[in-house]
Structures are given as C-alpha cells and as structure tokens.
Amino acid sequence: MTGCIFCQIIAGTIPASIVFENSTLVVFLDHRPLFPGHCLLVPRQHLATLVDVEPELFALLSAQARQLAIAMEEALEAQGAFLAINNRVSQSVPHVHIHVVPRTKGDGLKGFFWPRQKYRGPEHMEEVRSKLEVGLRKLQQS
C-alpha cells in the first residue's frame, strides 16, 4: 500500500533503523521512542488492524515480540519490556504493529497512559465478564 508509511519502510523507500527482518516480519526502531530501544514489530503484509491478522501470523508476531523482549533484557540490560498493540483507537498508523519497549524500574512510565475506570460494582463486572464469555464462545463455534 503506497500511502502507508510502514509499507514504505518495508519497501525501503523510507529509511528506518531495521533491527530484524525475515520474509514475514520486520522490526525497526520507533522514531519517537518512549525509551531508547523502543521497537515496532510489523508484518510485511499490509494489514490495517489486529482483526485482519490470521491466527498463524499472530503466532509469528507473538513469538518475535517475545524474542525481542528477551533480547532487550540481555542486550540493553533492561529489566523487562512493555508490549502494546493499539487497534483502531489510538492507532497512529493503519498497519498493525506491536510496540516492544524496554523497561527498567523507576523509568517514569506509569502503568497505562489513560485513567483507569472502575466497574460500577460486582454485578457490572459479572455482566461484562458474561458478555465477553458469550462473545468468545460464538467466535470459537464459527
């Protein structure tokens, strides 16, 4: 897709600091990192959202994200990693991508970037849980 900045990076028409690439995936440094080493992991195939990713490809993305998190701990002496996928909302580039960010205690990143919202009570929590359970069951049956 010619208008997609990630597709342009993958094609080599926009420069990027490539960390890893194979026939399916590309990892490059984020140009606006939370911390040095903040990477974006993308499939070569243009897929706009997580919903577009087949389970087999998601398994490959997940395995590579795991390897990258391990590498960050060893190579960058990080104490852990933060992984995130924005899906539609707050997705700045419409090409599915996983943020893999090296973390250390006291680095200043506090939980999530938005205020947490509590359940109205135990009944509300159960209502939400039940809806998700039914939704997952429907997907698994199709």
N, C-alpha and C. Protein backbone atom coordinates (compact mmCIF):
# COMPACT_ATOMS: atom_id res chain seq x y z
N MET A 1 0.86 -1.18 0.00
CA MET A 1 0.00 0.00 0.00
C MET A 1 0.90 1.24 0.00
N THR A 2 0.81 2.03 -1.02
CA THR A 2 1.76 3.12 -1.23
C THR A 2 1.63 4.24 -0.22
N GLY A 3 0.45 4.47 0.34
CA GLY A 3 0.27 5.56 1.29
C GLY A 3 0.65 5.21 2.71
N CYS A 4 0.93 3.97 2.98
CA CYS A 4 1.24 3.51 4.33
C CYS A 4 2.72 3.69 4.62
N ILE A 5 3.03 4.45 5.66
CA ILE A 5 4.43 4.71 6.00
C ILE A 5 5.17 3.42 6.36
N PHE A 6 4.51 2.48 7.02
CA PHE A 6 5.17 1.22 7.37
C PHE A 6 5.45 0.39 6.12
N CYS A 7 4.53 0.39 5.17
CA CYS A 7 4.78 -0.32 3.91
C CYS A 7 5.96 0.32 3.17
N GLN A 8 6.08 1.63 3.26
CA GLN A 8 7.20 2.31 2.63
C GLN A 8 8.52 1.96 3.32
N ILE A 9 8.50 1.84 4.63
CA ILE A 9 9.70 1.41 5.37
C ILE A 9 10.06 -0.01 4.95
N ILE A 10 9.07 -0.89 4.89
CA ILE A 10 9.29 -2.28 4.49
C ILE A 10 9.88 -2.35 3.08
N ALA A 11 9.39 -1.51 2.19
CA ALA A 11 9.87 -1.49 0.80
C ALA A 11 11.23 -0.82 0.66
N GLY A 12 11.67 -0.13 1.71
CA GLY A 12 12.96 0.55 1.66
C GLY A 12 12.93 1.93 1.04
N THR A 13 11.73 2.47 0.79
CA THR A 13 11.63 3.79 0.20
C THR A 13 11.70 4.90 1.24
N ILE A 14 11.49 4.55 2.51
CA ILE A 14 11.69 5.48 3.62
C ILE A 14 12.73 4.83 4.52
N PRO A 15 13.77 5.57 4.89
CA PRO A 15 14.80 4.96 5.74
C PRO A 15 14.29 4.68 7.15
N ALA A 16 14.78 3.61 7.72
CA ALA A 16 14.46 3.25 9.10
C ALA A 16 15.61 2.44 9.65
N SER A 17 15.71 2.39 10.95
CA SER A 17 16.74 1.59 11.61
C SER A 17 16.19 0.19 11.82
N ILE A 18 16.46 -0.68 10.85
CA ILE A 18 15.94 -2.05 10.88
C ILE A 18 16.74 -2.87 11.89
N VAL A 19 16.04 -3.51 12.79
CA VAL A 19 16.64 -4.35 13.82
C VAL A 19 16.64 -5.82 13.38
N PHE A 20 15.56 -6.22 12.70
CA PHE A 20 15.39 -7.61 12.28
C PHE A 20 14.43 -7.63 11.11
N GLU A 21 14.65 -8.55 10.19
CA GLU A 21 13.66 -8.79 9.14
C GLU A 21 13.80 -10.20 8.60
N ASN A 22 12.66 -10.74 8.22
CA ASN A 22 12.64 -12.01 7.51
C ASN A 22 11.56 -11.90 6.44
N SER A 23 11.17 -13.00 5.87
CA SER A 23 10.20 -12.95 4.77
C SER A 23 8.80 -12.54 5.22
N THR A 24 8.53 -12.55 6.52
CA THR A 24 7.19 -12.28 7.02
C THR A 24 7.11 -11.03 7.89
N LEU A 25 8.18 -10.75 8.65
CA LEU A 25 8.14 -9.70 9.68
C LEU A 25 9.30 -8.73 9.52
N VAL A 26 9.09 -7.51 10.04
CA VAL A 26 10.14 -6.50 10.10
C VAL A 26 10.06 -5.83 11.46
N VAL A 27 11.24 -5.60 12.07
CA VAL A 27 11.33 -4.87 13.33
C VAL A 27 12.23 -3.67 13.09
N PHE A 28 11.75 -2.49 13.50
CA PHE A 28 12.57 -1.29 13.36
C PHE A 28 12.38 -0.40 14.58
N LEU A 29 13.38 0.45 14.81
CA LEU A 29 13.30 1.38 15.94
C LEU A 29 12.23 2.44 15.68
N ASP A 30 11.43 2.72 16.71
CA ASP A 30 10.43 3.78 16.63
C ASP A 30 11.16 5.12 16.55
N HIS A 31 10.74 6.00 15.65
CA HIS A 31 11.43 7.29 15.52
C HIS A 31 11.05 8.27 16.62
N ARG A 32 10.03 7.94 17.41
CA ARG A 32 9.64 8.74 18.58
C ARG A 32 9.57 7.79 19.79
N PRO A 33 10.70 7.28 20.24
CA PRO A 33 10.67 6.23 21.26
C PRO A 33 10.27 6.72 22.65
N LEU A 34 9.62 5.84 23.39
CA LEU A 34 9.41 6.09 24.81
C LEU A 34 10.76 6.04 25.53
N PHE A 35 11.58 5.06 25.15
CA PHE A 35 12.93 4.89 25.65
C PHE A 35 13.79 4.37 24.51
N PRO A 36 15.09 4.60 24.56
CA PRO A 36 15.96 4.03 23.52
C PRO A 36 15.77 2.51 23.43
N GLY A 37 15.63 2.02 22.23
CA GLY A 37 15.38 0.60 22.01
C GLY A 37 13.92 0.28 21.74
N HIS A 38 13.02 1.27 21.88
CA HIS A 38 11.59 1.09 21.59
C HIS A 38 11.46 0.68 20.12
N CYS A 39 10.93 -0.51 19.90
CA CYS A 39 10.81 -1.08 18.55
C CYS A 39 9.36 -1.22 18.12
N LEU A 40 9.17 -1.23 16.83
CA LEU A 40 7.89 -1.56 16.23
C LEU A 40 8.07 -2.84 15.44
N LEU A 41 7.22 -3.79 15.68
CA LEU A 41 7.22 -5.09 15.00
C LEU A 41 6.01 -5.12 14.09
N VAL A 42 6.25 -5.31 12.79
CA VAL A 42 5.16 -5.26 11.81
C VAL A 42 5.21 -6.46 10.88
N PRO A 43 4.05 -6.90 10.39
CA PRO A 43 4.09 -7.89 9.31
C PRO A 43 4.41 -7.18 8.01
N ARG A 44 5.09 -7.87 7.10
CA ARG A 44 5.36 -7.29 5.77
C ARG A 44 4.05 -7.03 5.03
N GLN A 45 3.13 -7.92 5.17
CA GLN A 45 1.82 -7.79 4.52
C GLN A 45 1.06 -6.62 5.15
N HIS A 46 0.48 -5.77 4.32
CA HIS A 46 -0.31 -4.66 4.87
C HIS A 46 -1.63 -5.19 5.41
N LEU A 47 -1.76 -5.10 6.70
CA LEU A 47 -2.99 -5.45 7.41
C LEU A 47 -3.29 -4.29 8.33
N ALA A 48 -4.45 -3.69 8.18
CA ALA A 48 -4.74 -2.45 8.90
C ALA A 48 -4.89 -2.63 10.40
N THR A 49 -5.59 -3.67 10.82
CA THR A 49 -5.88 -3.83 12.24
C THR A 49 -5.64 -5.27 12.69
N LEU A 50 -5.65 -5.46 13.98
CA LEU A 50 -5.47 -6.79 14.55
C LEU A 50 -6.52 -7.77 14.06
N VAL A 51 -7.72 -7.28 13.79
CA VAL A 51 -8.81 -8.12 13.31
C VAL A 51 -8.46 -8.76 11.96
N ASP A 52 -7.60 -8.09 11.18
CA ASP A 52 -7.21 -8.58 9.86
C ASP A 52 -6.11 -9.65 9.91
N VAL A 53 -5.52 -9.87 11.06
CA VAL A 53 -4.39 -10.79 11.20
C VAL A 53 -4.90 -12.21 11.46
N GLU A 54 -4.49 -13.14 10.61
CA GLU A 54 -4.85 -14.55 10.79
C GLU A 54 -4.10 -15.11 12.01
N PRO A 55 -4.68 -16.10 12.68
CA PRO A 55 -4.04 -16.66 13.89
C PRO A 55 -2.60 -17.14 13.67
N GLU A 56 -2.30 -17.71 12.52
CA GLU A 56 -0.95 -18.20 12.26
C GLU A 56 0.06 -17.06 12.23
N LEU A 57 -0.32 -15.94 11.60
CA LEU A 57 0.56 -14.78 11.55
C LEU A 57 0.68 -14.16 12.94
N PHE A 58 -0.41 -14.12 13.67
CA PHE A 58 -0.34 -13.56 15.03
C PHE A 58 0.59 -14.39 15.91
N ALA A 59 0.61 -15.70 15.70
CA ALA A 59 1.53 -16.56 16.45
C ALA A 59 2.97 -16.17 16.13
N LEU A 60 3.27 -15.90 14.87
CA LEU A 60 4.62 -15.48 14.48
C LEU A 60 4.96 -14.11 15.08
N LEU A 61 4.01 -13.18 15.04
CA LEU A 61 4.23 -11.87 15.65
C LEU A 61 4.50 -12.00 17.15
N SER A 62 3.71 -12.82 17.81
CA SER A 62 3.87 -13.01 19.26
C SER A 62 5.22 -13.63 19.59
N ALA A 63 5.62 -14.63 18.83
CA ALA A 63 6.91 -15.29 19.07
C ALA A 63 8.06 -14.30 18.86
N GLN A 64 7.96 -13.46 17.83
CA GLN A 64 9.02 -12.48 17.59
C GLN A 64 9.03 -11.41 18.66
N ALA A 65 7.85 -10.99 19.13
CA ALA A 65 7.78 -10.00 20.21
C ALA A 65 8.45 -10.55 21.47
N ARG A 66 8.22 -11.83 21.75
CA ARG A 66 8.85 -12.48 22.90
C ARG A 66 10.37 -12.47 22.76
N GLN A 67 10.85 -12.85 21.57
CA GLN A 67 12.29 -12.86 21.34
C GLN A 67 12.89 -11.46 21.48
N LEU A 68 12.19 -10.48 20.99
CA LEU A 68 12.67 -9.10 21.08
C LEU A 68 12.73 -8.64 22.54
N ALA A 69 11.72 -9.00 23.32
CA ALA A 69 11.71 -8.65 24.75
C ALA A 69 12.90 -9.29 25.47
N ILE A 70 13.18 -10.54 25.15
CA ILE A 70 14.33 -11.23 25.75
C ILE A 70 15.63 -10.54 25.34
N ALA A 71 15.74 -10.20 24.05
CA ALA A 71 16.94 -9.53 23.55
C ALA A 71 17.15 -8.18 24.23
N MET A 72 16.06 -7.47 24.50
CA MET A 72 16.17 -6.17 25.17
C MET A 72 16.76 -6.33 26.57
N GLU A 73 16.31 -7.36 27.27
CA GLU A 73 16.83 -7.60 28.61
C GLU A 73 18.32 -7.89 28.56
N GLU A 74 18.73 -8.68 27.61
CA GLU A 74 20.13 -9.08 27.53
C GLU A 74 21.00 -7.98 26.91
N ALA A 75 20.61 -7.45 25.77
CA ALA A 75 21.46 -6.51 25.03
C ALA A 75 21.42 -5.10 25.60
N LEU A 76 20.27 -4.69 26.12
CA LEU A 76 20.12 -3.33 26.62
C LEU A 76 20.12 -3.27 28.14
N GLU A 77 20.27 -4.42 28.78
CA GLU A 77 20.23 -4.52 30.24
C GLU A 77 18.92 -3.99 30.80
N ALA A 78 17.84 -4.19 30.05
CA ALA A 78 16.51 -3.81 30.53
C ALA A 78 16.07 -4.83 31.58
N GLN A 79 15.19 -4.41 32.45
CA GLN A 79 14.67 -5.31 33.47
C GLN A 79 13.38 -5.99 33.02
N GLY A 80 12.86 -5.56 31.91
CA GLY A 80 11.63 -6.12 31.36
C GLY A 80 11.26 -5.39 30.10
N ALA A 81 10.03 -5.61 29.65
CA ALA A 81 9.56 -4.95 28.44
C ALA A 81 8.07 -4.69 28.55
N PHE A 82 7.64 -3.67 27.85
CA PHE A 82 6.23 -3.31 27.73
C PHE A 82 5.82 -3.59 26.30
N LEU A 83 4.77 -4.38 26.10
CA LEU A 83 4.27 -4.67 24.77
C LEU A 83 2.88 -4.08 24.63
N ALA A 84 2.61 -3.47 23.48
CA ALA A 84 1.30 -2.85 23.27
C ALA A 84 0.90 -2.91 21.81
N ILE A 85 -0.40 -3.12 21.61
CA ILE A 85 -1.00 -3.04 20.28
C ILE A 85 -2.21 -2.13 20.39
N ASN A 86 -2.21 -1.03 19.66
CA ASN A 86 -3.41 -0.22 19.55
C ASN A 86 -4.20 -0.76 18.37
N ASN A 87 -5.47 -0.96 18.56
CA ASN A 87 -6.31 -1.48 17.50
C ASN A 87 -7.42 -0.48 17.20
N ARG A 88 -7.28 0.20 16.12
CA ARG A 88 -8.16 1.26 15.64
C ARG A 88 -8.05 2.51 16.50
N VAL A 89 -8.52 2.49 17.74
CA VAL A 89 -8.44 3.66 18.61
C VAL A 89 -6.98 3.88 19.00
N SER A 90 -6.49 5.07 18.80
CA SER A 90 -5.09 5.46 19.09
C SER A 90 -4.08 4.77 18.19
N GLN A 91 -4.52 4.16 17.12
CA GLN A 91 -3.60 3.52 16.18
C GLN A 91 -3.15 4.59 15.19
N SER A 92 -1.95 5.12 15.39
CA SER A 92 -1.48 6.26 14.59
C SER A 92 -1.17 5.90 13.14
N VAL A 93 -0.78 4.65 12.90
CA VAL A 93 -0.52 4.18 11.54
C VAL A 93 -1.44 2.99 11.28
N PRO A 94 -2.26 3.04 10.23
CA PRO A 94 -3.19 1.94 9.96
C PRO A 94 -2.49 0.73 9.32
N HIS A 95 -1.53 0.18 10.02
CA HIS A 95 -0.82 -1.04 9.65
C HIS A 95 -0.54 -1.70 11.00
N VAL A 96 -1.08 -2.87 11.23
CA VAL A 96 -0.96 -3.50 12.55
C VAL A 96 0.51 -3.54 12.97
N HIS A 97 0.75 -3.18 14.23
CA HIS A 97 2.12 -3.17 14.75
C HIS A 97 2.11 -3.38 16.26
N ILE A 98 3.18 -3.98 16.73
CA ILE A 98 3.36 -4.21 18.16
C ILE A 98 4.51 -3.33 18.63
N HIS A 99 4.24 -2.54 19.65
CA HIS A 99 5.29 -1.77 20.31
C HIS A 99 5.98 -2.69 21.30
N VAL A 100 7.29 -2.78 21.26
CA VAL A 100 8.07 -3.53 22.24
C VAL A 100 9.05 -2.52 22.82
N VAL A 101 8.86 -2.22 24.11
CA VAL A 101 9.59 -1.13 24.75
C VAL A 101 10.39 -1.66 25.93
N PRO A 102 11.70 -1.40 25.96
CA PRO A 102 12.49 -1.85 27.11
C PRO A 102 12.10 -1.06 28.36
N ARG A 103 12.09 -1.73 29.50
CA ARG A 103 11.69 -1.10 30.76
C ARG A 103 12.73 -1.36 31.85
N THR A 104 12.85 -0.41 32.74
CA THR A 104 13.62 -0.57 33.97
C THR A 104 12.83 0.07 35.10
N LYS A 105 13.00 -0.44 36.30
CA LYS A 105 12.31 0.15 37.45
C LYS A 105 12.71 1.61 37.57
N GLY A 106 11.71 2.44 37.83
CA GLY A 106 11.97 3.86 38.00
C GLY A 106 12.15 4.63 36.70
N ASP A 107 11.78 4.03 35.56
CA ASP A 107 11.97 4.71 34.28
C ASP A 107 10.95 5.81 34.02
N GLY A 108 9.95 5.92 34.88
CA GLY A 108 8.98 7.00 34.75
C GLY A 108 7.71 6.64 34.02
N LEU A 109 7.67 5.49 33.38
CA LEU A 109 6.45 5.06 32.69
C LEU A 109 5.52 4.49 33.75
N LYS A 110 4.37 5.08 33.90
CA LYS A 110 3.45 4.68 34.95
C LYS A 110 2.24 3.97 34.37
N GLY A 111 2.24 2.64 34.47
CA GLY A 111 1.08 1.86 34.05
C GLY A 111 0.64 2.18 32.64
N PHE A 112 -0.63 2.36 32.47
CA PHE A 112 -1.18 2.71 31.18
C PHE A 112 -1.19 4.21 31.01
N PHE A 113 -1.43 4.68 29.81
CA PHE A 113 -1.36 6.10 29.51
C PHE A 113 -2.71 6.80 29.67
N TRP A 114 -3.68 6.14 30.23
CA TRP A 114 -5.01 6.72 30.37
C TRP A 114 -5.54 6.39 31.76
N PRO A 115 -6.51 7.16 32.23
CA PRO A 115 -7.04 6.88 33.57
C PRO A 115 -7.84 5.57 33.57
N ARG A 116 -7.69 4.83 34.63
CA ARG A 116 -8.43 3.58 34.77
C ARG A 116 -9.86 3.86 35.21
N GLN A 117 -10.77 3.02 34.74
CA GLN A 117 -12.17 3.18 35.12
C GLN A 117 -12.61 1.93 35.85
N LYS A 118 -13.22 2.12 37.00
CA LYS A 118 -13.65 1.00 37.83
C LYS A 118 -15.00 0.48 37.34
N TYR A 119 -15.27 -0.76 37.70
CA TYR A 119 -16.60 -1.31 37.48
C TYR A 119 -17.55 -0.64 38.46
N ARG A 120 -18.84 -0.55 38.09
CA ARG A 120 -19.82 0.07 38.98
C ARG A 120 -20.05 -0.77 40.22
N GLY A 121 -19.71 -2.04 40.13
CA GLY A 121 -19.87 -2.96 41.25
C GLY A 121 -19.71 -4.38 40.75
N PRO A 122 -19.87 -5.35 41.66
CA PRO A 122 -19.69 -6.75 41.27
C PRO A 122 -20.65 -7.20 40.17
N GLU A 123 -21.88 -6.66 40.17
CA GLU A 123 -22.85 -7.04 39.15
C GLU A 123 -22.40 -6.57 37.77
N HIS A 124 -21.89 -5.37 37.71
CA HIS A 124 -21.41 -4.82 36.44
C HIS A 124 -20.22 -5.64 35.94
N MET A 125 -19.33 -6.00 36.85
CA MET A 125 -18.17 -6.80 36.47
C MET A 125 -18.63 -8.14 35.90
N GLU A 126 -19.61 -8.77 36.54
CA GLU A 126 -20.13 -10.06 36.07
C GLU A 126 -20.82 -9.90 34.73
N GLU A 127 -21.56 -8.83 34.54
CA GLU A 127 -22.24 -8.57 33.27
C GLU A 127 -21.22 -8.47 32.12
N VAL A 128 -20.15 -7.74 32.34
CA VAL A 128 -19.11 -7.58 31.32
C VAL A 128 -18.42 -8.92 31.07
N ARG A 129 -18.08 -9.64 32.14
CA ARG A 129 -17.44 -10.94 32.01
C ARG A 129 -18.30 -11.89 31.20
N SER A 130 -19.59 -11.93 31.50
CA SER A 130 -20.52 -12.82 30.82
C SER A 130 -20.63 -12.48 29.33
N LYS A 131 -20.70 -11.20 29.00
CA LYS A 131 -20.79 -10.78 27.60
C LYS A 131 -19.54 -11.23 26.83
N LEU A 132 -18.38 -11.06 27.45
CA LEU A 132 -17.14 -11.49 26.79
C LEU A 132 -17.09 -13.01 26.62
N GLU A 133 -17.54 -13.73 27.64
CA GLU A 133 -17.56 -15.19 27.56
C GLU A 133 -18.44 -15.66 26.41
N VAL A 134 -19.63 -15.08 26.29
CA VAL A 134 -20.55 -15.44 25.21
C VAL A 134 -19.95 -15.07 23.86
N GLY A 135 -19.35 -13.88 23.77
CA GLY A 135 -18.74 -13.46 22.51
C GLY A 135 -17.62 -14.39 22.08
N LEU A 136 -16.78 -14.81 23.02
CA LEU A 136 -15.70 -15.75 22.69
C LEU A 136 -16.24 -17.11 22.27
N ARG A 137 -17.28 -17.56 22.97
CA ARG A 137 -17.88 -18.86 22.62
C ARG A 137 -18.45 -18.83 21.21
N LYS A 138 -19.08 -17.73 20.82
CA LYS A 138 -19.63 -17.59 19.48
C LYS A 138 -18.52 -17.66 18.44
N LEU A 139 -17.40 -16.98 18.70
CA LEU A 139 -16.28 -16.99 17.77
C LEU A 139 -15.68 -18.38 17.62
N GLN A 140 -15.58 -19.10 18.73
CA GLN A 140 -14.98 -20.42 18.71
C GLN A 140 -15.87 -21.43 18.00
N GLN A 141 -17.18 -21.18 17.97
CA GLN A 141 -18.11 -22.10 17.30
C GLN A 141 -18.20 -21.84 15.80
N SER A 142 -17.75 -20.68 15.36
CA SER A 142 -17.88 -20.36 13.93
C SER A 142 -16.68 -20.83 13.14
